[in-house]
C-alpha atoms as a PDB file:
ATOM      1  CA  MET A   1      60.075 -55.490 -20.522  1.00  0.00           C
ATOM      2  CA  LYS A   2      58.207 -52.169 -20.734  1.00  0.00           C
ATOM      3  CA  ILE A   3      60.327 -49.134 -19.879  1.00  0.00           C
ATOM      4  CA  ASN A   4      58.857 -46.822 -17.257  1.00  0.00           C
ATOM      5  CA  LYS A   5      57.745 -43.571 -18.913  1.00  0.00           C
ATOM      6  CA  ASN A   6      59.538 -41.593 -16.212  1.00  0.00           C
ATOM      7  CA  PHE A   7      62.875 -43.046 -17.292  1.00  0.00           C
ATOM      8  CA  ILE A   8      62.105 -42.023 -20.876  1.00  0.00           C
ATOM      9  CA  LEU A   9      61.352 -38.498 -19.661  1.00  0.00           C
ATOM     10  CA  ALA A  10      64.607 -38.520 -17.665  1.00  0.00           C
ATOM     11  CA  GLY A  11      66.541 -39.471 -20.782  1.00  0.00           C
ATOM     12  CA  PHE A  12      64.838 -36.698 -22.723  1.00  0.00           C
ATOM     13  CA  GLY A  13      65.692 -34.204 -19.980  1.00  0.00           C
ATOM     14  CA  LEU A  14      69.309 -35.334 -19.986  1.00  0.00           C
ATOM     15  CA  LEU A  15      69.471 -34.984 -23.773  1.00  0.00           C
ATOM     16  CA  LEU A  16      68.077 -31.451 -23.620  1.00  0.00           C
ATOM     17  CA  THR A  17      70.617 -30.581 -20.935  1.00  0.00           C
ATOM     18  CA  ALA A  18      73.500 -31.892 -23.053  1.00  0.00           C
ATOM     19  CA  ILE A  19      72.299 -29.975 -26.105  1.00  0.00           C
ATOM     20  CA  LEU A  20      71.949 -26.784 -24.068  1.00  0.00           C
ATOM     21  CA  VAL A  21      75.468 -27.157 -22.656  1.00  0.00           C
ATOM     22  CA  CYS A  22      76.887 -27.525 -26.184  1.00  0.00           C
ATOM     23  CA  LEU A  23      74.979 -24.468 -27.374  1.00  0.00           C
ATOM     24  CA  VAL A  24      76.143 -22.380 -24.419  1.00  0.00           C
ATOM     25  CA  ARG A  25      79.735 -23.465 -24.865  1.00  0.00           C
ATOM     26  CA  PHE A  26      80.096 -23.071 -28.624  1.00  0.00           C
ATOM     27  CA  VAL A  27      77.329 -20.904 -30.123  1.00  0.00           C
ATOM     28  CA  ASP A  28      77.398 -17.084 -30.209  1.00  0.00           C
ATOM     29  CA  VAL A  29      80.047 -16.787 -27.513  1.00  0.00           C
ATOM     30  CA  GLN A  30      80.809 -13.121 -26.787  1.00  0.00           C
ATOM     31  CA  PRO A  31      82.506 -11.144 -23.970  1.00  0.00           C
ATOM     32  CA  ILE A  32      79.303  -9.598 -22.590  1.00  0.00           C
ATOM     33  CA  GLY A  33      79.744 -10.693 -18.979  1.00  0.00           C
ATOM     34  CA  PRO A  34      81.354  -8.704 -16.147  1.00  0.00           C
ATOM     35  CA  GLU A  35      85.106  -8.170 -16.584  1.00  0.00           C
ATOM     36  CA  GLY A  36      84.816  -9.378 -20.175  1.00  0.00           C
ATOM     37  CA  THR A  37      83.760 -12.927 -19.345  1.00  0.00           C
ATOM     38  CA  ARG A  38      82.660 -14.778 -22.475  1.00  0.00           C
ATOM     39  CA  ILE A  39      79.037 -15.901 -22.492  1.00  0.00           C
ATOM     40  CA  GLY A  40      77.376 -18.443 -24.784  1.00  0.00           C
ATOM     41  CA  LEU A  41      74.191 -17.635 -26.722  1.00  0.00           C
ATOM     42  CA  ALA A  42      75.161 -14.042 -25.999  1.00  0.00           C
ATOM     43  CA  SER A  43      72.538 -12.300 -28.138  1.00  0.00           C
ATOM     44  CA  LEU A  44      69.656 -14.164 -26.477  1.00  0.00           C
ATOM     45  CA  ASN A  45      71.044 -13.990 -22.961  1.00  0.00           C
ATOM     46  CA  GLY A  46      72.104 -10.360 -23.288  1.00  0.00           C
ATOM     47  CA  ALA A  47      68.736  -9.195 -24.609  1.00  0.00           C
ATOM     48  CA  ILE A  48      66.794 -10.898 -21.819  1.00  0.00           C
ATOM     49  CA  PHE A  49      69.184  -9.660 -19.129  1.00  0.00           C
ATOM     50  CA  GLU A  50      68.905  -6.078 -20.390  1.00  0.00           C
ATOM     51  CA  SER A  51      65.122  -6.358 -20.219  1.00  0.00           C
ATOM     52  CA  PHE A  52      65.135  -7.136 -16.496  1.00  0.00           C
ATOM     53  CA  GLY A  53      68.474  -5.927 -15.138  1.00  0.00           C
ATOM     54  CA  VAL A  54      69.467  -6.661 -11.547  1.00  0.00           C
ATOM     55  CA  SER A  55      66.974  -6.717  -8.668  1.00  0.00           C
ATOM     56  CA  THR A  56      68.215  -7.167  -5.115  1.00  0.00           C
ATOM     57  CA  THR A  57      64.594  -7.594  -3.998  1.00  0.00           C
ATOM     58  CA  TRP A  58      64.072 -10.664  -6.158  1.00  0.00           C
ATOM     59  CA  TYR A  59      67.516 -11.951  -5.208  1.00  0.00           C
ATOM     60  CA  LYS A  60      66.679 -11.754  -1.497  1.00  0.00           C
ATOM     61  CA  LEU A  61      63.233 -13.284  -2.043  1.00  0.00           C
ATOM     62  CA  THR A  62      64.637 -16.268  -3.940  1.00  0.00           C
ATOM     63  CA  THR A  63      67.239 -16.697  -1.211  1.00  0.00           C
ATOM     64  CA  VAL A  64      64.418 -16.981   1.334  1.00  0.00           C
ATOM     65  CA  LEU A  65      62.591 -19.450  -0.921  1.00  0.00           C
ATOM     66  CA  GLY A  66      65.778 -21.505  -1.035  1.00  0.00           C
ATOM     67  CA  ILE A  67      65.732 -21.653   2.754  1.00  0.00           C
ATOM     68  CA  VAL A  68      62.100 -22.810   2.605  1.00  0.00           C
ATOM     69  CA  ALA A  69      63.188 -25.628   0.293  1.00  0.00           C
ATOM     70  CA  LEU A  70      65.989 -26.636   2.659  1.00  0.00           C
ATOM     71  CA  LEU A  71      63.554 -26.703   5.594  1.00  0.00           C
ATOM     72  CA  THR A  72      61.210 -28.879   3.529  1.00  0.00           C
ATOM     73  CA  ALA A  73      64.045 -31.279   2.805  1.00  0.00           C
ATOM     74  CA  GLY A  74      64.839 -31.308   6.518  1.00  0.00           C
ATOM     75  CA  LEU A  75      61.265 -32.298   7.383  1.00  0.00           C
ATOM     76  CA  PHE A  76      61.425 -35.303   5.076  1.00  0.00           C
ATOM     77  CA  ALA A  77      64.813 -36.216   6.528  1.00  0.00           C
ATOM     78  CA  LEU A  78      63.290 -36.147  10.020  1.00  0.00           C
ATOM     79  CA  LEU A  79      60.406 -38.293   8.779  1.00  0.00           C
ATOM     80  CA  GLY A  80      62.865 -40.872   7.516  1.00  0.00           C
ATOM     81  CA  LEU A  81      64.790 -40.784  10.790  1.00  0.00           C
ATOM     82  CA  TRP A  82      61.558 -41.222  12.773  1.00  0.00           C
ATOM     83  CA  GLN A  83      60.592 -44.232  10.658  1.00  0.00           C
ATOM     84  CA  LEU A  84      64.044 -45.751  11.103  1.00  0.00           C
ATOM     85  CA  ILE A  85      63.907 -45.371  14.902  1.00  0.00           C
ATOM     86  CA  LYS A  86      60.333 -46.601  15.187  1.00  0.00           C
ATOM     87  CA  ARG A  87      60.632 -49.542  12.800  1.00  0.00           C
ATOM     88  CA  LYS A  88      64.216 -50.423  13.813  1.00  0.00           C
ATOM     89  CA  SER A  89      65.251 -51.363  10.299  1.00  0.00           C
ATOM     90  CA  LEU A  90      66.409 -49.383   7.279  1.00  0.00           C
ATOM     91  CA  LYS A  91      64.554 -51.840   5.048  1.00  0.00           C
ATOM     92  CA  LYS A  92      61.272 -50.885   6.701  1.00  0.00           C
ATOM     93  CA  VAL A  93      61.637 -47.185   5.954  1.00  0.00           C
ATOM     94  CA  ASP A  94      59.254 -46.168   3.166  1.00  0.00           C
ATOM     95  CA  ARG A  95      60.848 -46.678  -0.230  1.00  0.00           C
ATOM     96  CA  GLU A  96      59.816 -43.146  -1.215  1.00  0.00           C
ATOM     97  CA  ILE A  97      61.902 -41.732   1.629  1.00  0.00           C
ATOM     98  CA  LEU A  98      64.904 -43.940   0.924  1.00  0.00           C
ATOM     99  CA  VAL A  99      64.943 -42.992  -2.756  1.00  0.00           C
ATOM    100  CA  LEU A 100      64.420 -39.365  -1.738  1.00  0.00           C
ATOM    101  CA  ALA A 101      67.617 -39.530   0.299  1.00  0.00           C
ATOM    102  CA  GLY A 102      69.426 -40.642  -2.848  1.00  0.00           C
ATOM    103  CA  LEU A 103      67.819 -37.815  -4.818  1.00  0.00           C
ATOM    104  CA  TYR A 104      68.952 -35.261  -2.255  1.00  0.00           C
ATOM    105  CA  LEU A 105      72.482 -36.673  -2.280  1.00  0.00           C
ATOM    106  CA  VAL A 106      72.767 -36.468  -6.065  1.00  0.00           C
ATOM    107  CA  THR A 107      71.373 -32.922  -6.007  1.00  0.00           C
ATOM    108  CA  VAL A 108      73.960 -31.810  -3.446  1.00  0.00           C
ATOM    109  CA  ILE A 109      76.782 -33.402  -5.469  1.00  0.00           C
ATOM    110  CA  LEU A 110      75.624 -31.607  -8.623  1.00  0.00           C
ATOM    111  CA  TYR A 111      75.236 -28.355  -6.695  1.00  0.00           C
ATOM    112  CA  VAL A 112      78.869 -28.493  -5.549  1.00  0.00           C
ATOM    113  CA  LEU A 113      80.116 -29.702  -8.939  1.00  0.00           C
ATOM    114  CA  PHE A 114      78.455 -26.930 -10.924  1.00  0.00           C
ATOM    115  CA  ASP A 115      79.792 -24.377  -8.484  1.00  0.00           C
ATOM    116  CA  LYS A 116      83.313 -25.443  -9.482  1.00  0.00           C
ATOM    117  CA  ILE A 117      82.783 -25.837 -13.244  1.00  0.00           C
ATOM    118  CA  ALA A 118      82.363 -22.566 -15.144  1.00  0.00           C
ATOM    119  CA  VAL A 119      80.240 -23.160 -18.240  1.00  0.00           C
ATOM    120  CA  ASN A 120      78.982 -19.563 -18.082  1.00  0.00           C
ATOM    121  CA  TYR A 121      79.630 -16.747 -15.616  1.00  0.00           C
ATOM    122  CA  ARG A 122      77.020 -14.639 -13.832  1.00  0.00           C
ATOM    123  CA  PRO A 123      75.692 -11.605 -15.721  1.00  0.00           C
ATOM    124  CA  ALA A 124      76.648  -9.363 -12.786  1.00  0.00           C
ATOM    125  CA  ILE A 125      78.939  -9.387  -9.775  1.00  0.00           C
ATOM    126  CA  LEU A 126      76.526  -9.536  -6.850  1.00  0.00           C
ATOM    127  CA  PRO A 127      76.991  -7.583  -3.589  1.00  0.00           C
ATOM    128  CA  ASP A 128      78.370 -10.601  -1.712  1.00  0.00           C
ATOM    129  CA  GLU A 129      80.840 -11.484  -4.487  1.00  0.00           C
ATOM    130  CA  THR A 130      84.201 -10.028  -5.488  1.00  0.00           C
ATOM    131  CA  ALA A 131      84.694 -11.629  -8.904  1.00  0.00           C
ATOM    132  CA  PRO A 132      82.630 -13.290 -11.663  1.00  0.00           C
ATOM    133  CA  GLU A 133      81.259 -16.644 -10.513  1.00  0.00           C
ATOM    134  CA  ALA A 134      80.035 -19.725 -12.360  1.00  0.00           C
ATOM    135  CA  SER A 135      76.325 -19.516 -13.134  1.00  0.00           C
ATOM    136  CA  PHE A 136      75.374 -22.450 -15.375  1.00  0.00           C
ATOM    137  CA  PRO A 137      73.114 -24.073 -14.519  1.00  0.00           C
ATOM    138  CA  SER A 138      71.260 -22.145 -11.832  1.00  0.00           C
ATOM    139  CA  SER A 139      72.000 -24.461  -8.915  1.00  0.00           C
ATOM    140  CA  HIS A 140      69.535 -22.511  -6.785  1.00  0.00           C
ATOM    141  CA  THR A 141      66.762 -23.189  -9.307  1.00  0.00           C
ATOM    142  CA  MET A 142      67.751 -26.848  -9.505  1.00  0.00           C
ATOM    143  CA  LEU A 143      67.732 -27.275  -5.727  1.00  0.00           C
ATOM    144  CA  VAL A 144      64.335 -25.662  -5.179  1.00  0.00           C
ATOM    145  CA  CYS A 145      62.722 -27.433  -8.131  1.00  0.00           C
ATOM    146  CA  VAL A 146      63.989 -30.832  -6.994  1.00  0.00           C
ATOM    147  CA  VAL A 147      62.986 -30.408  -3.340  1.00  0.00           C
ATOM    148  CA  MET A 148      59.591 -28.811  -3.931  1.00  0.00           C
ATOM    149  CA  GLY A 149      58.831 -30.989  -6.948  1.00  0.00           C
ATOM    150  CA  SER A 150      59.501 -34.200  -5.026  1.00  0.00           C
ATOM    151  CA  ALA A 151      57.523 -32.836  -2.060  1.00  0.00           C
ATOM    152  CA  MET A 152      54.500 -32.379  -4.329  1.00  0.00           C
ATOM    153  CA  THR A 153      54.609 -36.082  -5.229  1.00  0.00           C
ATOM    154  CA  LEU A 154      54.930 -37.140  -1.573  1.00  0.00           C
ATOM    155  CA  ILE A 155      52.303 -34.910   0.010  1.00  0.00           C
ATOM    156  CA  PRO A 156      49.358 -37.115  -1.147  1.00  0.00           C
ATOM    157  CA  LYS A 157      50.931 -40.115   0.600  1.00  0.00           C
ATOM    158  CA  TYR A 158      51.562 -38.474   3.964  1.00  0.00           C
ATOM    159  CA  VAL A 159      48.814 -35.848   4.215  1.00  0.00           C
ATOM    160  CA  LYS A 160      45.333 -37.366   4.291  1.00  0.00           C
ATOM    161  CA  MET A 161      43.176 -34.272   4.859  1.00  0.00           C
ATOM    162  CA  PRO A 162      42.169 -32.976   1.390  1.00  0.00           C
ATOM    163  CA  ALA A 163      42.167 -29.287   2.297  1.00  0.00           C
ATOM    164  CA  ILE A 164      45.623 -29.388   3.902  1.00  0.00           C
ATOM    165  CA  ARG A 165      46.961 -31.593   1.105  1.00  0.00           C
ATOM    166  CA  THR A 166      45.747 -29.108  -1.512  1.00  0.00           C
ATOM    167  CA  ALA A 167      47.126 -26.133   0.398  1.00  0.00           C
ATOM    168  CA  LEU A 168      50.584 -27.676   0.875  1.00  0.00           C
ATOM    169  CA  THR A 169      50.771 -28.718  -2.762  1.00  0.00           C
ATOM    170  CA  ALA A 170      49.843 -25.184  -3.791  1.00  0.00           C
ATOM    171  CA  VAL A 171      52.541 -23.731  -1.536  1.00  0.00           C
ATOM    172  CA  CYS A 172      55.144 -26.016  -3.097  1.00  0.00           C
ATOM    173  CA  ALA A 173      54.046 -25.002  -6.578  1.00  0.00           C
ATOM    174  CA  VAL A 174      54.188 -21.293  -5.699  1.00  0.00           C
ATOM    175  CA  VAL A 175      57.667 -21.604  -4.161  1.00  0.00           C
ATOM    176  CA  LEU A 176      58.859 -23.493  -7.232  1.00  0.00           C
ATOM    177  CA  GLY A 177      57.341 -21.055  -9.712  1.00  0.00           C
ATOM    178  CA  LEU A 178      58.493 -17.924  -7.895  1.00  0.00           C
ATOM    179  CA  THR A 179      62.026 -19.297  -7.673  1.00  0.00           C
ATOM    180  CA  VAL A 180      62.265 -20.029 -11.394  1.00  0.00           C
ATOM    181  CA  ALA A 181      60.858 -16.621 -12.362  1.00  0.00           C
ATOM    182  CA  GLY A 182      62.500 -14.724  -9.518  1.00  0.00           C
ATOM    183  CA  ARG A 183      65.973 -16.053 -10.156  1.00  0.00           C
ATOM    184  CA  LEU A 184      65.781 -14.705 -13.707  1.00  0.00           C
ATOM    185  CA  LEU A 185      64.300 -11.370 -12.591  1.00  0.00           C
ATOM    186  CA  SER A 186      66.998 -11.001  -9.934  1.00  0.00           C
ATOM    187  CA  GLY A 187      69.721 -10.771 -12.573  1.00  0.00           C
ATOM    188  CA  ALA A 188      71.766 -13.439 -10.801  1.00  0.00           C
ATOM    189  CA  HIS A 189      71.593 -15.728 -13.831  1.00  0.00           C
ATOM    190  CA  TRP A 190      71.306 -15.704 -17.578  1.00  0.00           C
ATOM    191  CA  PHE A 191      68.167 -17.105 -19.178  1.00  0.00           C
ATOM    192  CA  THR A 192      70.004 -20.274 -20.259  1.00  0.00           C
ATOM    193  CA  ASP A 193      71.189 -20.819 -16.681  1.00  0.00           C
ATOM    194  CA  ILE A 194      67.576 -20.997 -15.511  1.00  0.00           C
ATOM    195  CA  ILE A 195      66.558 -23.300 -18.347  1.00  0.00           C
ATOM    196  CA  GLY A 196      69.521 -25.550 -17.562  1.00  0.00           C
ATOM    197  CA  GLY A 197      68.450 -25.771 -13.920  1.00  0.00           C
ATOM    198  CA  VAL A 198      64.916 -26.686 -14.982  1.00  0.00           C
ATOM    199  CA  PHE A 199      66.108 -29.362 -17.435  1.00  0.00           C
ATOM    200  CA  ILE A 200      68.305 -31.001 -14.796  1.00  0.00           C
ATOM    201  CA  SER A 201      65.450 -30.870 -12.275  1.00  0.00           C
ATOM    202  CA  ILE A 202      63.127 -32.615 -14.725  1.00  0.00           C
ATOM    203  CA  THR A 203      65.770 -35.296 -15.246  1.00  0.00           C
ATOM    204  CA  LEU A 204      66.306 -35.896 -11.535  1.00  0.00           C
ATOM    205  CA  LEU A 205      62.614 -35.844 -10.614  1.00  0.00           C
ATOM    206  CA  SER A 206      61.784 -38.248 -13.440  1.00  0.00           C
ATOM    207  CA  LEU A 207      64.510 -40.623 -12.260  1.00  0.00           C
ATOM    208  CA  TYR A 208      63.122 -40.364  -8.733  1.00  0.00           C
ATOM    209  CA  ASN A 209      59.528 -41.098  -9.747  1.00  0.00           C
ATOM    210  CA  GLY A 210      60.599 -43.894 -12.068  1.00  0.00           C
ATOM    211  CA  THR A 211      62.719 -45.543  -9.377  1.00  0.00           C
ATOM    212  CA  VAL A 212      59.933 -45.359  -6.791  1.00  0.00           C
ATOM    213  CA  GLU A 213      57.408 -46.831  -9.225  1.00  0.00           C
ATOM    214  CA  THR A 214      59.778 -49.605 -10.293  1.00  0.00           C
ATOM    215  CA  LEU A 215      60.569 -50.601  -6.715  1.00  0.00           C
ATOM    216  CA  GLY A 216      56.865 -50.520  -5.882  1.00  0.00           C
ATOM    217  CA  ALA A 217      56.028 -52.775  -8.819  1.00  0.00           C
ATOM    218  CA  LYS A 218      58.729 -55.264  -7.811  1.00  0.00           C
ATOM    219  CA  ALA A 219      57.456 -55.319  -4.221  1.00  0.00           C
ATOM    220  CA  SER A 220      53.895 -55.947  -5.424  1.00  0.00           C
ATOM    221  CA  ALA A 221      55.057 -58.754  -7.690  1.00  0.00           C
ATOM    222  CA  ARG A 222      56.758 -60.538  -4.777  1.00  0.00           C
ATOM    223  CA  ARG A 223      53.700 -60.500  -2.507  1.00  0.00           C
ATOM    224  CA  PRO A 224      51.655 -63.141  -4.399  1.00  0.00           C
ATOM    225  CA  GLU A 225      54.659 -65.489  -4.403  1.00  0.00           C
ATOM    226  CA  ARG A 226      54.880 -65.262  -0.614  1.00  0.00           C
ATOM    227  CA  SER A 227      51.154 -65.922  -0.275  1.00  0.00           C
ATOM    228  CA  VAL A 228      51.376 -69.077  -2.425  1.00  0.00           C
ATOM    229  CA  ARG A 229      54.287 -70.421  -0.379  1.00  0.00           C
ATOM    230  CA  ARG A 230      52.289 -70.030   2.808  1.00  0.00           C
END
């Protein structure tokens, strides 16, 4: 049986994430964080952080972009609810939406988990914080990348007008790109935190796309059998 290329990409993303975690935990660990917190890959992270510093403007902008991502997720949740009410069966809800619900659930679980596990601490104590907080990976980056990345794959299915489809896809791409760059420029995360968030996003999105494609292939394979029986 041929393995879906998306699952291969997911495995590669997971491997890169694991390697990055090991590097952050055990390589070049130095007390360069606030209040002497020890940071992995300190020379690299410290040099990049010193280049940009802390920007409250970028921090606020990426916070707004995070809200945009949450609203986008809410729209797809409402779409799924509308399909469930109209079609009166969970099985008749589009497979893309059902798998998306699973993707969102896993993302939320990881978001909460990484908030509790301190692999690295933030490079600065932000205005709304009183002590160093866990920063690896950038959960904000992960959330926005997952939501906007999955939205970009779903827009062609649900938006038929080419101009609107192109515009919405472009908006998703801009929100995603600005969040990745802006979160680094804000000084809220080390460089490796951002990369970690991107690696995890690639893993989750690849699993999502692979699952949708696999379920679609299985559904297509069953249709001829039903036709023959009739």
